Protein backbone atom coordinates (compact mmCIF):
# COMPACT_ATOMS: atom_id res chain seq x y z
CA MET A 1 -19.45 46.38 -3.59
CA GLN A 2 -18.32 42.56 -4.87
CA LEU A 3 -18.21 40.20 -2.21
CA VAL A 4 -15.07 37.96 -3.91
CA PRO A 5 -11.99 39.84 -4.90
CA GLN A 6 -10.84 39.76 -8.47
CA GLU A 7 -7.18 39.10 -9.03
CA GLY A 8 -6.30 38.66 -5.58
CA ARG A 9 -7.41 42.80 -4.55
CA LEU A 10 -9.02 43.39 -1.82
CA PRO A 11 -11.99 45.75 -2.07
CA MET A 12 -10.85 49.53 -1.90
CA THR A 13 -14.18 50.03 0.66
CA GLY A 14 -14.72 48.79 3.74
CA LEU A 15 -13.74 45.18 5.39
CA PRO A 16 -14.87 42.55 3.65
CA LEU A 17 -14.75 40.70 6.94
CA ALA A 18 -16.15 42.62 9.39
CA GLY A 19 -18.06 41.30 11.76
CA HIS A 20 -17.79 37.55 10.42
CA ARG A 21 -17.20 35.06 13.53
CA VAL A 22 -13.84 33.18 12.66
CA LEU A 23 -12.88 30.13 14.20
CA VAL A 24 -9.25 29.55 14.50
CA VAL A 25 -7.97 26.01 15.31
CA GLU A 26 -3.79 26.51 15.15
CA ASP A 27 -1.27 24.82 17.02
CA GLU A 28 2.03 26.97 16.07
CA PRO A 29 1.99 30.38 18.45
CA LEU A 30 3.26 32.86 15.58
CA VAL A 31 0.76 31.59 12.95
CA ALA A 32 -1.97 31.42 15.35
CA MET A 33 -0.80 35.31 16.35
CA PHE A 34 -0.39 36.68 12.68
CA ILE A 35 -4.16 35.18 12.07
CA GLU A 36 -5.48 36.71 14.98
CA GLU A 37 -4.25 40.12 14.38
CA LEU A 38 -5.07 40.27 10.70
CA LEU A 39 -8.84 39.00 11.65
CA VAL A 40 -9.02 41.98 14.40
CA GLU A 41 -7.20 44.39 11.84
CA GLN A 42 -10.68 42.90 9.42
CA GLN A 43 -13.08 43.55 12.50
CA SER A 44 -13.90 39.92 12.57
CA VAL A 45 -14.54 38.20 15.71
CA VAL A 46 -12.09 35.64 16.69
CA VAL A 47 -13.27 32.37 18.00
CA GLY A 48 -9.97 30.90 19.81
CA PRO A 49 -7.29 30.49 18.73
CA PHE A 50 -7.49 26.86 19.57
CA ASN A 51 -4.26 24.64 19.85
CA ARG A 52 -6.14 21.68 21.23
CA LEU A 53 -8.40 19.20 19.18
CA GLU A 54 -10.55 18.58 22.14
CA ALA A 55 -11.31 22.24 22.60
CA ALA A 56 -11.74 22.97 18.67
CA LEU A 57 -14.21 19.99 18.34
CA GLU A 58 -16.86 21.73 20.98
CA ALA A 59 -16.53 25.01 19.77
CA ALA A 60 -16.99 23.59 16.33
CA ARG A 61 -20.28 22.05 17.54
CA SER A 62 -21.40 24.73 19.48
CA ALA A 63 -19.92 28.08 18.62
CA ALA A 64 -21.61 30.90 16.43
CA ILE A 65 -19.30 30.77 13.34
CA ASP A 66 -19.37 31.50 10.27
CA ILE A 67 -16.30 30.38 8.86
CA ALA A 68 -13.28 28.62 10.37
CA LEU A 69 -9.24 28.11 9.85
CA LEU A 70 -7.95 24.60 10.50
CA ASP A 71 -4.29 23.38 10.90
CA VAL A 72 -4.14 20.63 8.63
CA ILE A 73 -2.47 18.92 11.74
CA VAL A 74 -3.26 20.14 15.68
CA GLU A 75 -0.41 18.54 18.05
CA ASP A 76 0.20 15.66 15.42
CA VAL A 77 -3.09 14.69 15.25
CA ALA A 78 -5.75 15.38 12.18
CA ALA A 79 -7.87 17.92 12.46
CA SER A 80 -10.70 16.19 10.03
CA PRO A 81 -12.80 15.50 13.33
CA VAL A 82 -13.22 19.24 12.95
CA ALA A 83 -13.89 19.56 9.35
CA HIS A 84 -16.79 16.95 9.47
CA VAL A 85 -18.42 18.77 12.35
CA LEU A 86 -18.29 21.96 10.73
CA SER A 87 -19.19 20.50 7.03
CA ALA A 88 -22.29 19.00 8.67
CA ARG A 89 -22.80 22.25 10.28
CA ARG A 90 -22.44 23.61 6.66
CA ILE A 91 -19.68 26.31 7.80
CA PRO A 92 -17.37 26.97 5.63
CA PHE A 93 -13.56 26.67 6.33
CA LEU A 94 -10.02 26.67 5.15
CA LEU A 95 -7.82 23.67 5.66
CA LEU A 96 -4.01 25.12 6.42
CA SER A 97 -1.00 23.68 5.92
CA ASP A 98 2.64 23.66 4.66
CA TYR A 99 1.79 20.30 3.07
CA ASP A 100 0.67 20.09 -0.97
CA PRO A 101 -2.99 20.79 -1.65
CA GLU A 102 -3.35 16.82 -1.40
CA ALA A 103 -3.97 17.46 2.35
CA VAL A 104 -7.33 18.07 1.13
CA PRO A 105 -9.35 14.59 1.48
CA ALA A 106 -10.22 12.99 -2.56
CA ASP A 107 -13.38 12.87 -1.08
CA HIS A 108 -13.89 16.31 0.33
CA PRO A 109 -13.03 18.41 -2.76
CA GLU A 110 -15.24 21.16 -1.42
CA TRP A 111 -12.74 21.73 1.37
CA GLY A 112 -11.07 24.84 1.06
CA PHE A 113 -6.97 25.05 1.16
CA CYS A 114 -4.61 27.58 1.68
CA SER A 115 -0.80 26.73 1.71
CA LYS A 116 1.44 28.15 4.35
CA PRO A 117 3.25 29.96 4.44
CA PHE A 118 0.59 32.70 3.28
CA SER A 119 0.15 36.45 3.02
CA GLY A 120 -3.04 37.94 4.80
CA LYS A 121 -4.13 39.04 1.71
CA THR A 122 -4.46 35.72 -0.06
CA LEU A 123 -5.68 34.51 3.33
CA VAL A 124 -8.93 36.63 3.08
CA ARG A 125 -9.00 36.31 -0.93
CA LYS A 126 -9.75 32.69 0.23
CA MET A 127 -11.54 33.17 3.24
CA LEU A 128 -14.29 35.36 0.58
CA GLU A 129 -14.06 32.83 -1.80
CA GLN A 130 -15.65 30.15 0.75
CA LEU A 131 -17.77 32.56 2.18
CA SER A 132 -19.12 32.95 -1.19
CA SER A 133 -19.56 29.49 -2.53
CA ARG A 134 -22.34 28.50 0.61
């Protein structure tokens, strides 16, 4: 079975994110609910969702996580401290933003990015790309 789908198609058999522990940091309730529902459908374990930076930082430091989804701005504060903690732990993540990909710092081109709005299919594909790149 191929880990990363080609041309945006998800594998026909199984759920590629099943069992993965996913940290979710998102302060927009509807987006957080969409992500949580998608991950539950994928049979992933949702860590969060967190809508406050302090709680997200604590989870990033101590929780068992396979991958993370981080809103770029949480409560008007950059979520980059969470990204740095995850990066130090070698945990892959995607930055989520309705801004352009320039939201990814130039000194960290390895940090993944997904533009809002996104489909569930797109988010899963980008998560699989991040997981396979580590």
